[in-house]
Amino acid sequence: MKKKLFIFTNESISTADEKFYCDNIDLKSTPEGLNKKFEVNLFARKSNKKRSHEIKVKKIKIFNN
């Protein structure tokens, strides 16, 4: 069983077609790399702008300001 890891970020994430996107490549690559050893839960701000990099993590929660 994997240990849980919670990541809280101030970066903005957008959604489209039930997928999550960000502009910061570190916000994409870090959780995806840690997802191999941990159950990653990512918490971030909601963005209405379309972002460019898809985040491939299963548990993402976004919140309004």
PDB file of N, CA and C in Angstrom:
ATOM      1  N   MET A   1       0.840  -1.184   0.000  1.00  0.00           N
ATOM      2  CA  MET A   1       0.000   0.000   0.000  1.00  0.00           C
ATOM      3  C   MET A   1       0.884   1.245   0.000  1.00  0.00           C
ATOM      4  N   LYS A   2       0.568   2.184  -0.872  1.00  0.00           N
ATOM      5  CA  LYS A   2       1.346   3.411  -0.985  1.00  0.00           C
ATOM      6  C   LYS A   2       0.968   4.387   0.122  1.00  0.00           C
ATOM      7  N   LYS A   3       1.954   5.136   0.581  1.00  0.00           N
ATOM      8  CA  LYS A   3       1.688   6.200   1.542  1.00  0.00           C
ATOM      9  C   LYS A   3       1.068   7.386   0.820  1.00  0.00           C
ATOM     10  N   LYS A   4       0.244   8.142   1.533  1.00  0.00           N
ATOM     11  CA  LYS A   4      -0.410   9.303   0.937  1.00  0.00           C
ATOM     12  C   LYS A   4       0.495  10.522   1.016  1.00  0.00           C
ATOM     13  N   LEU A   5       0.495  11.304  -0.039  1.00  0.00           N
ATOM     14  CA  LEU A   5       1.254  12.547  -0.103  1.00  0.00           C
ATOM     15  C   LEU A   5       0.310  13.646  -0.570  1.00  0.00           C
ATOM     16  N   PHE A   6       0.217  14.723   0.208  1.00  0.00           N
ATOM     17  CA  PHE A   6      -0.650  15.845  -0.132  1.00  0.00           C
ATOM     18  C   PHE A   6       0.211  17.014  -0.590  1.00  0.00           C
ATOM     19  N   ILE A   7      -0.112  17.557  -1.766  1.00  0.00           N
ATOM     20  CA  ILE A   7       0.605  18.701  -2.314  1.00  0.00           C
ATOM     21  C   ILE A   7      -0.382  19.853  -2.439  1.00  0.00           C
ATOM     22  N   PHE A   8      -0.066  20.961  -1.763  1.00  0.00           N
ATOM     23  CA  PHE A   8      -0.872  22.175  -1.835  1.00  0.00           C
ATOM     24  C   PHE A   8      -0.076  23.208  -2.626  1.00  0.00           C
ATOM     25  N   THR A   9      -0.700  23.794  -3.646  1.00  0.00           N
ATOM     26  CA  THR A   9       0.002  24.755  -4.475  1.00  0.00           C
ATOM     27  C   THR A   9      -0.859  25.987  -4.714  1.00  0.00           C
ATOM     28  N   ASN A  10      -0.199  27.080  -4.975  1.00  0.00           N
ATOM     29  CA  ASN A  10      -0.880  28.323  -5.274  1.00  0.00           C
ATOM     30  C   ASN A  10      -1.045  28.507  -6.791  1.00  0.00           C
ATOM     31  N   GLU A  11      -0.587  27.549  -7.556  1.00  0.00           N
ATOM     32  CA  GLU A  11      -0.708  27.612  -9.015  1.00  0.00           C
ATOM     33  C   GLU A  11      -2.154  27.403  -9.441  1.00  0.00           C
ATOM     34  N   SER A  12      -2.500  27.923 -10.608  1.00  0.00           N
ATOM     35  CA  SER A  12      -3.847  27.781 -11.150  1.00  0.00           C
ATOM     36  C   SER A  12      -3.916  26.584 -12.088  1.00  0.00           C
ATOM     37  N   ILE A  13      -5.031  25.856 -11.988  1.00  0.00           N
ATOM     38  CA  ILE A  13      -5.263  24.684 -12.823  1.00  0.00           C
ATOM     39  C   ILE A  13      -6.616  24.839 -13.508  1.00  0.00           C
ATOM     40  N   SER A  14      -6.661  24.503 -14.781  1.00  0.00           N
ATOM     41  CA  SER A  14      -7.928  24.552 -15.515  1.00  0.00           C
ATOM     42  C   SER A  14      -8.393  23.130 -15.809  1.00  0.00           C
ATOM     43  N   THR A  15      -9.672  23.000 -16.129  1.00  0.00           N
ATOM     44  CA  THR A  15     -10.220  21.693 -16.477  1.00  0.00           C
ATOM     45  C   THR A  15     -10.861  21.760 -17.855  1.00  0.00           C
ATOM     46  N   ALA A  16     -10.774  20.648 -18.562  1.00  0.00           N
ATOM     47  CA  ALA A  16     -11.436  20.493 -19.856  1.00  0.00           C
ATOM     48  C   ALA A  16     -11.567  18.998 -20.118  1.00  0.00           C
ATOM     49  N   ASP A  17     -12.764  18.560 -20.443  1.00  0.00           N
ATOM     50  CA  ASP A  17     -13.023  17.147 -20.737  1.00  0.00           C
ATOM     51  C   ASP A  17     -12.579  16.231 -19.598  1.00  0.00           C
ATOM     52  N   GLU A  18     -12.830  16.638 -18.363  1.00  0.00           N
ATOM     53  CA  GLU A  18     -12.481  15.882 -17.153  1.00  0.00           C
ATOM     54  C   GLU A  18     -10.979  15.635 -17.010  1.00  0.00           C
ATOM     55  N   LYS A  19     -10.166  16.484 -17.626  1.00  0.00           N
ATOM     56  CA  LYS A  19      -8.711  16.441 -17.481  1.00  0.00           C
ATOM     57  C   LYS A  19      -8.269  17.761 -16.885  1.00  0.00           C
ATOM     58  N   PHE A  20      -7.085  17.765 -16.260  1.00  0.00           N
ATOM     59  CA  PHE A  20      -6.582  18.949 -15.586  1.00  0.00           C
ATOM     60  C   PHE A  20      -5.327  19.451 -16.296  1.00  0.00           C
ATOM     61  N   TYR A  21      -5.210  20.788 -16.388  1.00  0.00           N
ATOM     62  CA  TYR A  21      -4.103  21.408 -17.112  1.00  0.00           C
ATOM     63  C   TYR A  21      -3.470  22.532 -16.298  1.00  0.00           C
ATOM     64  N   CYS A  22      -2.164  22.730 -16.468  1.00  0.00           N
ATOM     65  CA  CYS A  22      -1.439  23.808 -15.797  1.00  0.00           C
ATOM     66  C   CYS A  22      -0.433  24.416 -16.775  1.00  0.00           C
ATOM     67  N   ASP A  23       0.130  25.570 -16.413  1.00  0.00           N
ATOM     68  CA  ASP A  23       1.164  26.206 -17.235  1.00  0.00           C
ATOM     69  C   ASP A  23       2.571  25.879 -16.730  1.00  0.00           C
ATOM     70  N   ASN A  24       2.702  25.603 -15.460  1.00  0.00           N
ATOM     71  CA  ASN A  24       4.001  25.370 -14.839  1.00  0.00           C
ATOM     72  C   ASN A  24       4.413  23.909 -15.045  1.00  0.00           C
ATOM     73  N   ILE A  25       5.506  23.684 -15.754  1.00  0.00           N
ATOM     74  CA  ILE A  25       5.957  22.319 -16.046  1.00  0.00           C
ATOM     75  C   ILE A  25       6.366  21.584 -14.765  1.00  0.00           C
ATOM     76  N   ASP A  26       6.847  22.317 -13.750  1.00  0.00           N
ATOM     77  CA  ASP A  26       7.191  21.680 -12.470  1.00  0.00           C
ATOM     78  C   ASP A  26       5.960  21.137 -11.770  1.00  0.00           C
ATOM     79  N   LEU A  27       4.847  21.820 -11.896  1.00  0.00           N
ATOM     80  CA  LEU A  27       3.606  21.359 -11.281  1.00  0.00           C
ATOM     81  C   LEU A  27       3.102  20.089 -11.963  1.00  0.00           C
ATOM     82  N   LYS A  28       3.490  19.877 -13.179  1.00  0.00           N
ATOM     83  CA  LYS A  28       3.124  18.654 -13.897  1.00  0.00           C
ATOM     84  C   LYS A  28       4.089  17.512 -13.571  1.00  0.00           C
ATOM     85  N   SER A  29       5.370  17.762 -13.682  1.00  0.00           N
ATOM     86  CA  SER A  29       6.357  16.687 -13.575  1.00  0.00           C
ATOM     87  C   SER A  29       6.587  16.192 -12.141  1.00  0.00           C
ATOM     88  N   THR A  30       6.543  17.076 -11.160  1.00  0.00           N
ATOM     89  CA  THR A  30       6.807  16.669  -9.774  1.00  0.00           C
ATOM     90  C   THR A  30       5.745  15.695  -9.249  1.00  0.00           C
ATOM     91  N   PRO A  31       4.449  16.016  -9.311  1.00  0.00           N
ATOM     92  CA  PRO A  31       3.455  15.045  -8.829  1.00  0.00           C
ATOM     93  C   PRO A  31       3.445  13.739  -9.640  1.00  0.00           C
ATOM     94  N   GLU A  32       3.675  13.834 -10.935  1.00  0.00           N
ATOM     95  CA  GLU A  32       3.693  12.619 -11.753  1.00  0.00           C
ATOM     96  C   GLU A  32       4.864  11.715 -11.375  1.00  0.00           C
ATOM     97  N   GLY A  33       6.019  12.303 -11.068  1.00  0.00           N
ATOM     98  CA  GLY A  33       7.169  11.512 -10.640  1.00  0.00           C
ATOM     99  C   GLY A  33       6.964  10.902  -9.264  1.00  0.00           C
ATOM    100  N   LEU A  34       6.387  11.671  -8.348  1.00  0.00           N
ATOM    101  CA  LEU A  34       6.119  11.167  -6.993  1.00  0.00           C
ATOM    102  C   LEU A  34       4.989  10.150  -6.970  1.00  0.00           C
ATOM    103  N   ASN A  35       4.153  10.141  -8.003  1.00  0.00           N
ATOM    104  CA  ASN A  35       3.022   9.232  -8.076  1.00  0.00           C
ATOM    105  C   ASN A  35       3.457   7.769  -8.162  1.00  0.00           C
ATOM    106  N   LYS A  36       4.709   7.529  -8.534  1.00  0.00           N
ATOM    107  CA  LYS A  36       5.219   6.162  -8.627  1.00  0.00           C
ATOM    108  C   LYS A  36       5.395   5.522  -7.248  1.00  0.00           C
ATOM    109  N   LYS A  37       5.720   6.344  -6.224  1.00  0.00           N
ATOM    110  CA  LYS A  37       5.961   5.813  -4.877  1.00  0.00           C
ATOM    111  C   LYS A  37       4.898   6.201  -3.865  1.00  0.00           C
ATOM    112  N   PHE A  38       4.089   7.219  -4.178  1.00  0.00           N
ATOM    113  CA  PHE A  38       3.090   7.728  -3.248  1.00  0.00           C
ATOM    114  C   PHE A  38       1.729   7.832  -3.929  1.00  0.00           C
ATOM    115  N   GLU A  39       0.694   7.864  -3.106  1.00  0.00           N
ATOM    116  CA  GLU A  39      -0.645   8.205  -3.579  1.00  0.00           C
ATOM    117  C   GLU A  39      -0.749   9.721  -3.476  1.00  0.00           C
ATOM    118  N   VAL A  40      -0.626  10.407  -4.593  1.00  0.00           N
ATOM    119  CA  VAL A  40      -0.537  11.862  -4.611  1.00  0.00           C
ATOM    120  C   VAL A  40      -1.935  12.487  -4.659  1.00  0.00           C
ATOM    121  N   ASN A  41      -2.165  13.453  -3.767  1.00  0.00           N
ATOM    122  CA  ASN A  41      -3.375  14.269  -3.752  1.00  0.00           C
ATOM    123  C   ASN A  41      -2.933  15.705  -3.975  1.00  0.00           C
ATOM    124  N   LEU A  42      -3.391  16.312  -5.055  1.00  0.00           N
ATOM    125  CA  LEU A  42      -2.971  17.658  -5.430  1.00  0.00           C
ATOM    126  C   LEU A  42      -4.116  18.638  -5.216  1.00  0.00           C
ATOM    127  N   PHE A  43      -3.854  19.728  -4.492  1.00  0.00           N
ATOM    128  CA  PHE A  43      -4.831  20.777  -4.224  1.00  0.00           C
ATOM    129  C   PHE A  43      -4.319  22.073  -4.842  1.00  0.00           C
ATOM    130  N   ALA A  44      -5.187  22.747  -5.634  1.00  0.00           N
ATOM    131  CA  ALA A  44      -4.759  23.960  -6.330  1.00  0.00           C
ATOM    132  C   ALA A  44      -5.938  24.894  -6.551  1.00  0.00           C
ATOM    133  N   ARG A  45      -5.622  26.071  -7.096  1.00  0.00           N
ATOM    134  CA  ARG A  45      -6.655  27.070  -7.415  1.00  0.00           C
ATOM    135  C   ARG A  45      -7.267  26.779  -8.782  1.00  0.00           C
ATOM    136  N   LYS A  46      -8.503  27.170  -8.948  1.00  0.00           N
ATOM    137  CA  LYS A  46      -9.202  26.998 -10.218  1.00  0.00           C
ATOM    138  C   LYS A  46      -8.890  28.173 -11.142  1.00  0.00           C
ATOM    139  N   SER A  47      -8.707  27.863 -12.413  1.00  0.00           N
ATOM    140  CA  SER A  47      -8.463  28.887 -13.421  1.00  0.00           C
ATOM    141  C   SER A  47      -9.504  28.759 -14.523  1.00  0.00           C
ATOM    142  N   ASN A  48      -9.961  29.895 -15.026  1.00  0.00           N
ATOM    143  CA  ASN A  48     -10.889  29.883 -16.156  1.00  0.00           C
ATOM    144  C   ASN A  48     -10.158  29.954 -17.492  1.00  0.00           C
ATOM    145  N   LYS A  49      -8.871  30.292 -17.452  1.00  0.00           N
ATOM    146  CA  LYS A  49      -8.049  30.320 -18.669  1.00  0.00           C
ATOM    147  C   LYS A  49      -7.642  28.905 -19.052  1.00  0.00           C
ATOM    148  N   LYS A  50      -7.482  28.676 -20.339  1.00  0.00           N
ATOM    149  CA  LYS A  50      -7.018  27.386 -20.810  1.00  0.00           C
ATOM    150  C   LYS A  50      -5.510  27.278 -20.565  1.00  0.00           C
ATOM    151  N   ARG A  51      -5.081  26.192 -19.952  1.00  0.00           N
ATOM    152  CA  ARG A  51      -3.663  25.957 -19.655  1.00  0.00           C
ATOM    153  C   ARG A  51      -3.096  24.917 -20.620  1.00  0.00           C
ATOM    154  N   SER A  52      -1.776  24.773 -20.671  1.00  0.00           N
ATOM    155  CA  SER A  52      -1.156  23.999 -21.742  1.00  0.00           C
ATOM    156  C   SER A  52      -0.713  22.572 -21.393  1.00  0.00           C
ATOM    157  N   HIS A  53      -0.296  22.290 -20.155  1.00  0.00           N
ATOM    158  CA  HIS A  53       0.257  20.976 -19.811  1.00  0.00           C
ATOM    159  C   HIS A  53      -0.764  20.139 -19.047  1.00  0.00           C
ATOM    160  N   GLU A  54      -1.021  18.931 -19.550  1.00  0.00           N
ATOM    161  CA  GLU A  54      -1.962  18.037 -18.862  1.00  0.00           C
ATOM    162  C   GLU A  54      -1.280  17.372 -17.666  1.00  0.00           C
ATOM    163  N   ILE A  55      -1.957  17.363 -16.533  1.00  0.00           N
ATOM    164  CA  ILE A  55      -1.440  16.725 -15.319  1.00  0.00           C
ATOM    165  C   ILE A  55      -2.058  15.337 -15.227  1.00  0.00           C
ATOM    166  N   LYS A  56      -1.213  14.320 -15.164  1.00  0.00           N
ATOM    167  CA  LYS A  56      -1.705  12.942 -15.142  1.00  0.00           C
ATOM    168  C   LYS A  56      -1.608  12.372 -13.727  1.00  0.00           C
ATOM    169  N   VAL A  57      -2.417  12.930 -12.841  1.00  0.00           N
ATOM    170  CA  VAL A  57      -2.543  12.459 -11.464  1.00  0.00           C
ATOM    171  C   VAL A  57      -4.025  12.226 -11.231  1.00  0.00           C
ATOM    172  N   LYS A  58      -4.370  11.141 -10.559  1.00  0.00           N
ATOM    173  CA  LYS A  58      -5.783  10.779 -10.405  1.00  0.00           C
ATOM    174  C   LYS A  58      -6.543  11.661  -9.429  1.00  0.00           C
ATOM    175  N   LYS A  59      -5.919  12.056  -8.327  1.00  0.00           N
ATOM    176  CA  LYS A  59      -6.642  12.782  -7.283  1.00  0.00           C
ATOM    177  C   LYS A  59      -6.225  14.258  -7.260  1.00  0.00           C
ATOM    178  N   ILE A  60      -7.022  15.079  -7.932  1.00  0.00           N
ATOM    179  CA  ILE A  60      -6.782  16.522  -7.978  1.00  0.00           C
ATOM    180  C   ILE A  60      -8.049  17.226  -7.526  1.00  0.00           C
ATOM    181  N   LYS A  61      -7.890  18.174  -6.617  1.00  0.00           N
ATOM    182  CA  LYS A  61      -9.009  19.007  -6.152  1.00  0.00           C
ATOM    183  C   LYS A  61      -8.660  20.453  -6.447  1.00  0.00           C
ATOM    184  N   ILE A  62      -9.594  21.177  -7.074  1.00  0.00           N
ATOM    185  CA  ILE A  62      -9.374  22.590  -7.337  1.00  0.00           C
ATOM    186  C   ILE A  62     -10.457  23.393  -6.634  1.00  0.00           C
ATOM    187  N   PHE A  63     -10.068  24.588  -6.198  1.00  0.00           N
ATOM    188  CA  PHE A  63     -10.948  25.443  -5.414  1.00  0.00           C
ATOM    189  C   PHE A  63     -10.973  26.842  -5.988  1.00  0.00           C
ATOM    190  N   ASN A  64     -12.127  27.508  -5.848  1.00  0.00           N
ATOM    191  CA  ASN A  64     -12.244  28.915  -6.219  1.00  0.00           C
ATOM    192  C   ASN A  64     -11.568  29.772  -5.158  1.00  0.00           C
ATOM    193  N   ASN A  65     -11.194  30.980  -5.522  1.00  0.00           N
ATOM    194  CA  ASN A  65     -10.573  31.892  -4.569  1.00  0.00           C
ATOM    195  C   ASN A  65     -11.585  32.354  -3.563  1.00  0.00           C
TER     196      ASN A  65
END
